[in-house]
Amino acid sequence: MYYELRTYTIDPLKLADWLALYQSHAYEVQTEHLGKLVGFFSTEFGEANQVVHLWAYESLDDRMARRASMTADPRWAEFGRLNKALGAVLKLESRLMRPTAFSPLQ
């Protein structure tokens, strides 16, 4: 199993707008194509204008196939267009991780 941790740093003045856009245009598409959403969070302390989500994949090939399928979906392209027009995302970090032998997430 692999886990992808994606962290978006959002313009603090546009965070509510970005979350609303994501919920209305991206959430359904992503969960349909990517499968297992482990969690979706916004930060309370530290850098307070971040959105973090964690996705689970069976393998690297599984991740590649699922992301390719999502990228080909016109609904995802529409979200990308609206997201770019909103101009809220300041930075994206993506980490691919494997659980340790004793991790509760396997």
PDB file of N, CA and C in Angstrom:
ATOM      1  N   MET A   1       0.847  -1.173   0.000  1.00  0.00           N
ATOM      2  CA  MET A   1       0.000   0.000   0.000  1.00  0.00           C
ATOM      3  C   MET A   1       0.895   1.239   0.000  1.00  0.00           C
ATOM      4  N   TYR A   2       0.455   2.239  -0.747  1.00  0.00           N
ATOM      5  CA  TYR A   2       1.127   3.537  -0.777  1.00  0.00           C
ATOM      6  C   TYR A   2       0.115   4.606  -0.379  1.00  0.00           C
ATOM      7  N   TYR A   3       0.623   5.642   0.255  1.00  0.00           N
ATOM      8  CA  TYR A   3      -0.210   6.772   0.642  1.00  0.00           C
ATOM      9  C   TYR A   3       0.380   8.033   0.042  1.00  0.00           C
ATOM     10  N   GLU A   4      -0.486   8.848  -0.537  1.00  0.00           N
ATOM     11  CA  GLU A   4      -0.058  10.128  -1.079  1.00  0.00           C
ATOM     12  C   GLU A   4      -0.619  11.228  -0.183  1.00  0.00           C
ATOM     13  N   LEU A   5       0.294  12.017   0.353  1.00  0.00           N
ATOM     14  CA  LEU A   5      -0.063  13.158   1.193  1.00  0.00           C
ATOM     15  C   LEU A   5       0.109  14.407   0.348  1.00  0.00           C
ATOM     16  N   ARG A   6      -0.989  15.091   0.093  1.00  0.00           N
ATOM     17  CA  ARG A   6      -0.955  16.308  -0.725  1.00  0.00           C
ATOM     18  C   ARG A   6      -1.291  17.499   0.165  1.00  0.00           C
ATOM     19  N   THR A   7      -0.430  18.506   0.124  1.00  0.00           N
ATOM     20  CA  THR A   7      -0.617  19.708   0.936  1.00  0.00           C
ATOM     21  C   THR A   7      -0.685  20.909   0.006  1.00  0.00           C
ATOM     22  N   TYR A   8      -1.787  21.612   0.082  1.00  0.00           N
ATOM     23  CA  TYR A   8      -1.985  22.821  -0.701  1.00  0.00           C
ATOM     24  C   TYR A   8      -1.919  24.017   0.239  1.00  0.00           C
ATOM     25  N   THR A   9      -1.076  24.973  -0.077  1.00  0.00           N
ATOM     26  CA  THR A   9      -1.056  26.231   0.646  1.00  0.00           C
ATOM     27  C   THR A   9      -1.943  27.194  -0.147  1.00  0.00           C
ATOM     28  N   ILE A  10      -2.936  27.727   0.524  1.00  0.00           N
ATOM     29  CA  ILE A  10      -3.976  28.525  -0.124  1.00  0.00           C
ATOM     30  C   ILE A  10      -3.878  29.972   0.350  1.00  0.00           C
ATOM     31  N   ASP A  11      -4.144  30.885  -0.548  1.00  0.00           N
ATOM     32  CA  ASP A  11      -4.252  32.298  -0.170  1.00  0.00           C
ATOM     33  C   ASP A  11      -5.276  32.379   0.961  1.00  0.00           C
ATOM     34  N   PRO A  12      -4.872  32.901   2.135  1.00  0.00           N
ATOM     35  CA  PRO A  12      -5.792  32.911   3.284  1.00  0.00           C
ATOM     36  C   PRO A  12      -7.122  33.604   3.005  1.00  0.00           C
ATOM     37  N   LEU A  13      -7.121  34.595   2.151  1.00  0.00           N
ATOM     38  CA  LEU A  13      -8.360  35.307   1.844  1.00  0.00           C
ATOM     39  C   LEU A  13      -9.265  34.526   0.895  1.00  0.00           C
ATOM     40  N   LYS A  14      -8.728  33.453   0.300  1.00  0.00           N
ATOM     41  CA  LYS A  14      -9.503  32.672  -0.666  1.00  0.00           C
ATOM     42  C   LYS A  14      -9.747  31.242  -0.206  1.00  0.00           C
ATOM     43  N   LEU A  15      -9.377  30.919   1.025  1.00  0.00           N
ATOM     44  CA  LEU A  15      -9.501  29.540   1.503  1.00  0.00           C
ATOM     45  C   LEU A  15     -10.944  29.046   1.459  1.00  0.00           C
ATOM     46  N   ALA A  16     -11.877  29.823   1.958  1.00  0.00           N
ATOM     47  CA  ALA A  16     -13.285  29.405   1.953  1.00  0.00           C
ATOM     48  C   ALA A  16     -13.791  29.216   0.525  1.00  0.00           C
ATOM     49  N   ASP A  17     -13.399  30.101  -0.386  1.00  0.00           N
ATOM     50  CA  ASP A  17     -13.809  29.981  -1.790  1.00  0.00           C
ATOM     51  C   ASP A  17     -13.216  28.721  -2.415  1.00  0.00           C
ATOM     52  N   TRP A  18     -11.949  28.436  -2.108  1.00  0.00           N
ATOM     53  CA  TRP A  18     -11.309  27.247  -2.681  1.00  0.00           C
ATOM     54  C   TRP A  18     -11.974  25.980  -2.166  1.00  0.00           C
ATOM     55  N   LEU A  19     -12.252  25.924  -0.856  1.00  0.00           N
ATOM     56  CA  LEU A  19     -12.912  24.737  -0.303  1.00  0.00           C
ATOM     57  C   LEU A  19     -14.293  24.538  -0.923  1.00  0.00           C
ATOM     58  N   ALA A  20     -15.030  25.616  -1.133  1.00  0.00           N
ATOM     59  CA  ALA A  20     -16.348  25.518  -1.765  1.00  0.00           C
ATOM     60  C   ALA A  20     -16.218  25.026  -3.212  1.00  0.00           C
ATOM     61  N   LEU A  21     -15.228  25.552  -3.936  1.00  0.00           N
ATOM     62  CA  LEU A  21     -14.988  25.110  -5.314  1.00  0.00           C
ATOM     63  C   LEU A  21     -14.614  23.637  -5.347  1.00  0.00           C
ATOM     64  N   TYR A  22     -13.723  23.229  -4.456  1.00  0.00           N
ATOM     65  CA  TYR A  22     -13.313  21.824  -4.407  1.00  0.00           C
ATOM     66  C   TYR A  22     -14.522  20.930  -4.119  1.00  0.00           C
ATOM     67  N   GLN A  23     -15.307  21.298  -3.135  1.00  0.00           N
ATOM     68  CA  GLN A  23     -16.454  20.469  -2.765  1.00  0.00           C
ATOM     69  C   GLN A  23     -17.460  20.356  -3.912  1.00  0.00           C
ATOM     70  N   SER A  24     -17.680  21.442  -4.625  1.00  0.00           N
ATOM     71  CA  SER A  24     -18.697  21.425  -5.684  1.00  0.00           C
ATOM     72  C   SER A  24     -18.204  20.852  -7.010  1.00  0.00           C
ATOM     73  N   HIS A  25     -16.885  20.926  -7.295  1.00  0.00           N
ATOM     74  CA  HIS A  25     -16.401  20.530  -8.611  1.00  0.00           C
ATOM     75  C   HIS A  25     -15.345  19.423  -8.624  1.00  0.00           C
ATOM     76  N   ALA A  26     -14.681  19.170  -7.517  1.00  0.00           N
ATOM     77  CA  ALA A  26     -13.556  18.219  -7.552  1.00  0.00           C
ATOM     78  C   ALA A  26     -13.764  16.996  -6.672  1.00  0.00           C
ATOM     79  N   TYR A  27     -14.429  17.154  -5.558  1.00  0.00           N
ATOM     80  CA  TYR A  27     -14.534  16.050  -4.594  1.00  0.00           C
ATOM     81  C   TYR A  27     -15.103  14.781  -5.238  1.00  0.00           C
ATOM     82  N   GLU A  28     -16.219  14.905  -5.913  1.00  0.00           N
ATOM     83  CA  GLU A  28     -16.860  13.738  -6.528  1.00  0.00           C
ATOM     84  C   GLU A  28     -15.958  13.103  -7.582  1.00  0.00           C
ATOM     85  N   VAL A  29     -15.333  13.922  -8.403  1.00  0.00           N
ATOM     86  CA  VAL A  29     -14.459  13.414  -9.466  1.00  0.00           C
ATOM     87  C   VAL A  29     -13.270  12.676  -8.858  1.00  0.00           C
ATOM     88  N   GLN A  30     -12.648  13.280  -7.872  1.00  0.00           N
ATOM     89  CA  GLN A  30     -11.480  12.636  -7.263  1.00  0.00           C
ATOM     90  C   GLN A  30     -11.851  11.339  -6.575  1.00  0.00           C
ATOM     91  N   THR A  31     -12.896  11.333  -5.783  1.00  0.00           N
ATOM     92  CA  THR A  31     -13.243  10.095  -5.083  1.00  0.00           C
ATOM     93  C   THR A  31     -13.684   9.010  -6.058  1.00  0.00           C
ATOM     94  N   GLU A  32     -14.303   9.396  -7.149  1.00  0.00           N
ATOM     95  CA  GLU A  32     -14.701   8.423  -8.168  1.00  0.00           C
ATOM     96  C   GLU A  32     -13.484   7.768  -8.817  1.00  0.00           C
ATOM     97  N   HIS A  33     -12.481   8.565  -9.157  1.00  0.00           N
ATOM     98  CA  HIS A  33     -11.319   8.047  -9.883  1.00  0.00           C
ATOM     99  C   HIS A  33     -10.203   7.547  -8.967  1.00  0.00           C
ATOM    100  N   LEU A  34      -9.925   8.289  -7.909  1.00  0.00           N
ATOM    101  CA  LEU A  34      -8.776   7.937  -7.071  1.00  0.00           C
ATOM    102  C   LEU A  34      -9.102   6.877  -6.041  1.00  0.00           C
ATOM    103  N   GLY A  35     -10.373   6.728  -5.714  1.00  0.00           N
ATOM    104  CA  GLY A  35     -10.741   5.646  -4.818  1.00  0.00           C
ATOM    105  C   GLY A  35     -10.712   6.016  -3.354  1.00  0.00           C
ATOM    106  N   LYS A  36      -9.703   5.568  -2.652  1.00  0.00           N
ATOM    107  CA  LYS A  36      -9.718   5.620  -1.192  1.00  0.00           C
ATOM    108  C   LYS A  36      -9.152   6.920  -0.624  1.00  0.00           C
ATOM    109  N   LEU A  37     -10.053   7.810  -0.263  1.00  0.00           N
ATOM    110  CA  LEU A  37      -9.681   9.026   0.453  1.00  0.00           C
ATOM    111  C   LEU A  37      -9.587   8.662   1.929  1.00  0.00           C
ATOM    112  N   VAL A  38      -8.392   8.791   2.499  1.00  0.00           N
ATOM    113  CA  VAL A  38      -8.184   8.460   3.907  1.00  0.00           C
ATOM    114  C   VAL A  38      -8.600   9.627   4.793  1.00  0.00           C
ATOM    115  N   GLY A  39      -8.321  10.856   4.346  1.00  0.00           N
ATOM    116  CA  GLY A  39      -8.693  12.022   5.127  1.00  0.00           C
ATOM    117  C   GLY A  39      -8.490  13.306   4.351  1.00  0.00           C
ATOM    118  N   PHE A  40      -9.247  14.319   4.707  1.00  0.00           N
ATOM    119  CA  PHE A  40      -9.175  15.642   4.082  1.00  0.00           C
ATOM    120  C   PHE A  40      -9.259  16.651   5.207  1.00  0.00           C
ATOM    121  N   PHE A  41      -8.256  17.509   5.334  1.00  0.00           N
ATOM    122  CA  PHE A  41      -8.120  18.361   6.511  1.00  0.00           C
ATOM    123  C   PHE A  41      -7.777  19.794   6.122  1.00  0.00           C
ATOM    124  N   SER A  42      -8.074  20.710   7.024  1.00  0.00           N
ATOM    125  CA  SER A  42      -7.508  22.058   6.949  1.00  0.00           C
ATOM    126  C   SER A  42      -6.763  22.278   8.260  1.00  0.00           C
ATOM    127  N   THR A  43      -5.690  23.039   8.196  1.00  0.00           N
ATOM    128  CA  THR A  43      -4.842  23.201   9.368  1.00  0.00           C
ATOM    129  C   THR A  43      -5.444  24.212  10.346  1.00  0.00           C
ATOM    130  N   GLU A  44      -5.238  23.952  11.618  1.00  0.00           N
ATOM    131  CA  GLU A  44      -5.696  24.837  12.688  1.00  0.00           C
ATOM    132  C   GLU A  44      -4.537  25.609  13.298  1.00  0.00           C
ATOM    133  N   PHE A  45      -3.383  24.971  13.390  1.00  0.00           N
ATOM    134  CA  PHE A  45      -2.197  25.592  13.971  1.00  0.00           C
ATOM    135  C   PHE A  45      -1.051  25.453  12.999  1.00  0.00           C
ATOM    136  N   GLY A  46       0.001  26.225  13.210  1.00  0.00           N
ATOM    137  CA  GLY A  46       1.110  26.240  12.263  1.00  0.00           C
ATOM    138  C   GLY A  46       0.717  27.118  11.094  1.00  0.00           C
ATOM    139  N   GLU A  47       1.003  26.667   9.902  1.00  0.00           N
ATOM    140  CA  GLU A  47       0.602  27.419   8.718  1.00  0.00           C
ATOM    141  C   GLU A  47      -0.893  27.192   8.509  1.00  0.00           C
ATOM    142  N   ALA A  48      -1.686  28.162   8.915  1.00  0.00           N
ATOM    143  CA  ALA A  48      -3.138  27.987   9.037  1.00  0.00           C
ATOM    144  C   ALA A  48      -3.885  27.981   7.720  1.00  0.00           C
ATOM    145  N   ASN A  49      -3.247  28.284   6.629  1.00  0.00           N
ATOM    146  CA  ASN A  49      -3.953  28.344   5.348  1.00  0.00           C
ATOM    147  C   ASN A  49      -3.579  27.160   4.454  1.00  0.00           C
ATOM    148  N   GLN A  50      -3.588  25.969   5.053  1.00  0.00           N
ATOM    149  CA  GLN A  50      -3.265  24.777   4.273  1.00  0.00           C
ATOM    150  C   GLN A  50      -4.424  23.794   4.289  1.00  0.00           C
ATOM    151  N   VAL A  51      -4.518  23.072   3.179  1.00  0.00           N
ATOM    152  CA  VAL A  51      -5.458  21.977   3.039  1.00  0.00           C
ATOM    153  C   VAL A  51      -4.616  20.743   2.769  1.00  0.00           C
ATOM    154  N   VAL A  52      -4.894  19.674   3.505  1.00  0.00           N
ATOM    155  CA  VAL A  52      -4.103  18.451   3.406  1.00  0.00           C
ATOM    156  C   VAL A  52      -5.054  17.295   3.145  1.00  0.00           C
ATOM    157  N   HIS A  53      -4.715  16.474   2.149  1.00  0.00           N
ATOM    158  CA  HIS A  53      -5.502  15.265   1.953  1.00  0.00           C
ATOM    159  C   HIS A  53      -4.597  14.073   1.740  1.00  0.00           C
ATOM    160  N   LEU A  54      -5.113  12.912   2.123  1.00  0.00           N
ATOM    161  CA  LEU A  54      -4.354  11.669   2.111  1.00  0.00           C
ATOM    162  C   LEU A  54      -5.149  10.629   1.338  1.00  0.00           C
ATOM    163  N   TRP A  55      -4.490  10.045   0.321  1.00  0.00           N
ATOM    164  CA  TRP A  55      -5.108   9.041  -0.543  1.00  0.00           C
ATOM    165  C   TRP A  55      -4.334   7.738  -0.445  1.00  0.00           C
ATOM    166  N   ALA A  56      -5.023   6.612  -0.533  1.00  0.00           N
ATOM    167  CA  ALA A  56      -4.391   5.298  -0.475  1.00  0.00           C
ATOM    168  C   ALA A  56      -4.438   4.634  -1.845  1.00  0.00           C
ATOM    169  N   TYR A  57      -3.335   3.977  -2.189  1.00  0.00           N
ATOM    170  CA  TYR A  57      -3.219   3.249  -3.459  1.00  0.00           C
ATOM    171  C   TYR A  57      -2.613   1.875  -3.202  1.00  0.00           C
ATOM    172  N   GLU A  58      -3.041   0.914  -3.979  1.00  0.00           N
ATOM    173  CA  GLU A  58      -2.511  -0.441  -3.848  1.00  0.00           C
ATOM    174  C   GLU A  58      -1.052  -0.529  -4.283  1.00  0.00           C
ATOM    175  N   SER A  59      -0.679   0.269  -5.283  1.00  0.00           N
ATOM    176  CA  SER A  59       0.680   0.224  -5.831  1.00  0.00           C
ATOM    177  C   SER A  59       0.949   1.527  -6.574  1.00  0.00           C
ATOM    178  N   LEU A  60       2.178   1.699  -7.017  1.00  0.00           N
ATOM    179  CA  LEU A  60       2.505   2.873  -7.826  1.00  0.00           C
ATOM    180  C   LEU A  60       1.770   2.828  -9.160  1.00  0.00           C
ATOM    181  N   ASP A  61       1.649   1.629  -9.729  1.00  0.00           N
ATOM    182  CA  ASP A  61       0.909   1.486 -10.985  1.00  0.00           C
ATOM    183  C   ASP A  61      -0.565   1.835 -10.790  1.00  0.00           C
ATOM    184  N   ASP A  62      -1.135   1.439  -9.662  1.00  0.00           N
ATOM    185  CA  ASP A  62      -2.517   1.783  -9.340  1.00  0.00           C
ATOM    186  C   ASP A  62      -2.682   3.295  -9.293  1.00  0.00           C
ATOM    187  N   ARG A  63      -1.749   3.982  -8.630  1.00  0.00           N
ATOM    188  CA  ARG A  63      -1.804   5.440  -8.549  1.00  0.00           C
ATOM    189  C   ARG A  63      -1.736   6.061  -9.933  1.00  0.00           C
ATOM    190  N   MET A  64      -0.788   5.608 -10.743  1.00  0.00           N
ATOM    191  CA  MET A  64      -0.624   6.177 -12.092  1.00  0.00           C
ATOM    192  C   MET A  64      -1.886   5.993 -12.925  1.00  0.00           C
ATOM    193  N   ALA A  65      -2.465   4.801 -12.880  1.00  0.00           N
ATOM    194  CA  ALA A  65      -3.669   4.525 -13.671  1.00  0.00           C
ATOM    195  C   ALA A  65      -4.850   5.368 -13.194  1.00  0.00           C
ATOM    196  N   ARG A  66      -5.020   5.477 -11.900  1.00  0.00           N
ATOM    197  CA  ARG A  66      -6.140   6.244 -11.351  1.00  0.00           C
ATOM    198  C   ARG A  66      -6.003   7.732 -11.662  1.00  0.00           C
ATOM    199  N   ARG A  67      -4.790   8.269 -11.534  1.00  0.00           N
ATOM    200  CA  ARG A  67      -4.593   9.693 -11.822  1.00  0.00           C
ATOM    201  C   ARG A  67      -4.760   9.971 -13.316  1.00  0.00           C
ATOM    202  N   ALA A  68      -4.328   9.044 -14.166  1.00  0.00           N
ATOM    203  CA  ALA A  68      -4.520   9.219 -15.613  1.00  0.00           C
ATOM    204  C   ALA A  68      -6.007   9.231 -15.955  1.00  0.00           C
ATOM    205  N   SER A  69      -6.766   8.355 -15.334  1.00  0.00           N
ATOM    206  CA  SER A  69      -8.207   8.302 -15.559  1.00  0.00           C
ATOM    207  C   SER A  69      -8.867   9.613 -15.123  1.00  0.00           C
ATOM    208  N   MET A  70      -8.451  10.128 -13.977  1.00  0.00           N
ATOM    209  CA  MET A  70      -9.010  11.386 -13.489  1.00  0.00           C
ATOM    210  C   MET A  70      -8.646  12.539 -14.423  1.00  0.00           C
ATOM    211  N   THR A  71      -7.408  12.592 -14.862  1.00  0.00           N
ATOM    212  CA  THR A  71      -6.944  13.664 -15.744  1.00  0.00           C
ATOM    213  C   THR A  71      -7.733  13.689 -17.054  1.00  0.00           C
ATOM    214  N   ALA A  72      -8.169  12.526 -17.524  1.00  0.00           N
ATOM    215  CA  ALA A  72      -8.915  12.442 -18.779  1.00  0.00           C
ATOM    216  C   ALA A  72     -10.384  12.836 -18.627  1.00  0.00           C
ATOM    217  N   ASP A  73     -10.853  12.985 -17.403  1.00  0.00           N
ATOM    218  CA  ASP A  73     -12.259  13.308 -17.154  1.00  0.00           C
ATOM    219  C   ASP A  73     -12.484  14.808 -17.392  1.00  0.00           C
ATOM    220  N   PRO A  74     -13.428  15.189 -18.259  1.00  0.00           N
ATOM    221  CA  PRO A  74     -13.682  16.603 -18.528  1.00  0.00           C
ATOM    222  C   PRO A  74     -14.110  17.392 -17.292  1.00  0.00           C
ATOM    223  N   ARG A  75     -14.709  16.730 -16.326  1.00  0.00           N
ATOM    224  CA  ARG A  75     -15.087  17.429 -15.086  1.00  0.00           C
ATOM    225  C   ARG A  75     -13.838  17.879 -14.327  1.00  0.00           C
ATOM    226  N   TRP A  76     -12.763  17.080 -14.400  1.00  0.00           N
ATOM    227  CA  TRP A  76     -11.513  17.456 -13.747  1.00  0.00           C
ATOM    228  C   TRP A  76     -10.882  18.643 -14.473  1.00  0.00           C
ATOM    229  N   ALA A  77     -10.971  18.652 -15.791  1.00  0.00           N
ATOM    230  CA  ALA A  77     -10.447  19.781 -16.570  1.00  0.00           C
ATOM    231  C   ALA A  77     -11.201  21.059 -16.226  1.00  0.00           C
ATOM    232  N   GLU A  78     -12.503  20.955 -16.029  1.00  0.00           N
ATOM    233  CA  GLU A  78     -13.304  22.125 -15.650  1.00  0.00           C
ATOM    234  C   GLU A  78     -12.887  22.637 -14.279  1.00  0.00           C
ATOM    235  N   PHE A  79     -12.675  21.726 -13.333  1.00  0.00           N
ATOM    236  CA  PHE A  79     -12.190  22.156 -12.022  1.00  0.00           C
ATOM    237  C   PHE A  79     -10.838  22.863 -12.164  1.00  0.00           C
ATOM    238  N   GLY A  80      -9.964  22.315 -12.973  1.00  0.00           N
ATOM    239  CA  GLY A  80      -8.654  22.934 -13.191  1.00  0.00           C
ATOM    240  C   GLY A  80      -8.783  24.353 -13.734  1.00  0.00           C
ATOM    241  N   ARG A  81      -9.686  24.547 -14.678  1.00  0.00           N
ATOM    242  CA  ARG A  81      -9.909  25.878 -15.248  1.00  0.00           C
ATOM    243  C   ARG A  81     -10.428  26.851 -14.191  1.00  0.00           C
ATOM    244  N   LEU A  82     -11.410  26.425 -13.426  1.00  0.00           N
ATOM    245  CA  LEU A  82     -11.979  27.279 -12.380  1.00  0.00           C
ATOM    246  C   LEU A  82     -10.968  27.545 -11.265  1.00  0.00           C
ATOM    247  N   ASN A  83     -10.200  26.525 -10.927  1.00  0.00           N
ATOM    248  CA  ASN A  83      -9.179  26.649  -9.896  1.00  0.00           C
ATOM    249  C   ASN A  83      -8.120  27.675 -10.304  1.00  0.00           C
ATOM    250  N   LYS A  84      -7.698  27.598 -11.541  1.00  0.00           N
ATOM    251  CA  LYS A  84      -6.701  28.548 -12.045  1.00  0.00           C
ATOM    252  C   LYS A  84      -7.270  29.966 -12.039  1.00  0.00           C
ATOM    253  N   ALA A  85      -8.524  30.117 -12.456  1.00  0.00           N
ATOM    254  CA  ALA A  85      -9.151  31.439 -12.481  1.00  0.00           C
ATOM    255  C   ALA A  85      -9.280  32.021 -11.073  1.00  0.00           C
ATOM    256  N   LEU A  86      -9.543  31.173 -10.090  1.00  0.00           N
ATOM    257  CA  LEU A  86      -9.654  31.634  -8.707  1.00  0.00           C
ATOM    258  C   LEU A  86      -8.299  32.115  -8.186  1.00  0.00           C
ATOM    259  N   GLY A  87      -7.228  31.455  -8.614  1.00  0.00           N
ATOM    260  CA  GLY A  87      -5.887  31.877  -8.219  1.00  0.00           C
ATOM    261  C   GLY A  87      -5.611  31.753  -6.733  1.00  0.00           C
ATOM    262  N   ALA A  88      -6.175  30.748  -6.089  1.00  0.00           N
ATOM    263  CA  ALA A  88      -6.044  30.610  -4.643  1.00  0.00           C
ATOM    264  C   ALA A  88      -4.843  29.772  -4.212  1.00  0.00           C
ATOM    265  N   VAL A  89      -4.430  28.825  -5.046  1.00  0.00           N
ATOM    266  CA  VAL A  89      -3.356  27.909  -4.657  1.00  0.00           C
ATOM    267  C   VAL A  89      -2.007  28.609  -4.817  1.00  0.00           C
ATOM    268  N   LEU A  90      -1.292  28.694  -3.706  1.00  0.00           N
ATOM    269  CA  LEU A  90       0.027  29.320  -3.710  1.00  0.00           C
ATOM    270  C   LEU A  90       1.139  28.291  -3.873  1.00  0.00           C
ATOM    271  N   LYS A  91       0.899  27.068  -3.378  1.00  0.00           N
ATOM    272  CA  LYS A  91       1.937  26.043  -3.390  1.00  0.00           C
ATOM    273  C   LYS A  91       1.295  24.670  -3.247  1.00  0.00           C
ATOM    274  N   LEU A  92       1.892  23.678  -3.906  1.00  0.00           N
ATOM    275  CA  LEU A  92       1.447  22.290  -3.787  1.00  0.00           C
ATOM    276  C   LEU A  92       2.646  21.434  -3.441  1.00  0.00           C
ATOM    277  N   GLU A  93       2.495  20.603  -2.432  1.00  0.00           N
ATOM    278  CA  GLU A  93       3.509  19.612  -2.082  1.00  0.00           C
ATOM    279  C   GLU A  93       2.833  18.247  -2.116  1.00  0.00           C
ATOM    280  N   SER A  94       3.516  17.271  -2.676  1.00  0.00           N
ATOM    281  CA  SER A  94       2.986  15.922  -2.738  1.00  0.00           C
ATOM    282  C   SER A  94       4.060  14.951  -2.266  1.00  0.00           C
ATOM    283  N   ARG A  95       3.685  14.093  -1.331  1.00  0.00           N
ATOM    284  CA  ARG A  95       4.610  13.087  -0.810  1.00  0.00           C
ATOM    285  C   ARG A  95       3.977  11.724  -0.976  1.00  0.00           C
ATOM    286  N   LEU A  96       4.746  10.787  -1.499  1.00  0.00           N
ATOM    287  CA  LEU A  96       4.303   9.407  -1.615  1.00  0.00           C
ATOM    288  C   LEU A  96       5.002   8.620  -0.528  1.00  0.00           C
ATOM    289  N   MET A  97       4.230   7.922   0.287  1.00  0.00           N
ATOM    290  CA  MET A  97       4.777   7.258   1.467  1.00  0.00           C
ATOM    291  C   MET A  97       4.333   5.807   1.536  1.00  0.00           C
ATOM    292  N   ARG A  98       5.171   4.985   2.161  1.00  0.00           N
ATOM    293  CA  ARG A  98       4.831   3.584   2.436  1.00  0.00           C
ATOM    294  C   ARG A  98       4.781   3.411   3.941  1.00  0.00           C
ATOM    295  N   PRO A  99       3.798   2.694   4.447  1.00  0.00           N
ATOM    296  CA  PRO A  99       3.709   2.505   5.886  1.00  0.00           C
ATOM    297  C   PRO A  99       4.815   1.576   6.407  1.00  0.00           C
ATOM    298  N   THR A 100       5.214   1.817   7.624  1.00  0.00           N
ATOM    299  CA  THR A 100       6.165   0.923   8.270  1.00  0.00           C
ATOM    300  C   THR A 100       5.441  -0.370   8.631  1.00  0.00           C
ATOM    301  N   ALA A 101       6.205  -1.378   9.018  1.00  0.00           N
ATOM    302  CA  ALA A 101       5.621  -2.679   9.371  1.00  0.00           C
ATOM    303  C   ALA A 101       4.659  -2.580  10.548  1.00  0.00           C
ATOM    304  N   PHE A 102       4.838  -1.593  11.415  1.00  0.00           N
ATOM    305  CA  PHE A 102       3.992  -1.488  12.611  1.00  0.00           C
ATOM    306  C   PHE A 102       2.948  -0.381  12.495  1.00  0.00           C
ATOM    307  N   SER A 103       2.802   0.225  11.316  1.00  0.00           N
ATOM    308  CA  SER A 103       1.817   1.280  11.132  1.00  0.00           C
ATOM    309  C   SER A 103       0.404   0.702  11.166  1.00  0.00           C
ATOM    310  N   PRO A 104      -0.549   1.406  11.820  1.00  0.00           N
ATOM    311  CA  PRO A 104      -1.929   0.932  11.785  1.00  0.00           C
ATOM    312  C   PRO A 104      -2.540   1.033  10.383  1.00  0.00           C
ATOM    313  N   LEU A 105      -1.989   1.896   9.549  1.00  0.00           N
ATOM    314  CA  LEU A 105      -2.422   1.963   8.153  1.00  0.00           C
ATOM    315  C   LEU A 105      -1.500   1.087   7.322  1.00  0.00           C
ATOM    316  N   GLN A 106      -2.032   0.081   6.723  1.00  0.00           N
ATOM    317  CA  GLN A 106      -1.210  -0.831   5.904  1.00  0.00           C
ATOM    318  C   GLN A 106      -1.591  -0.783   4.459  1.00  0.00           C
TER     319      GLN A 106
END
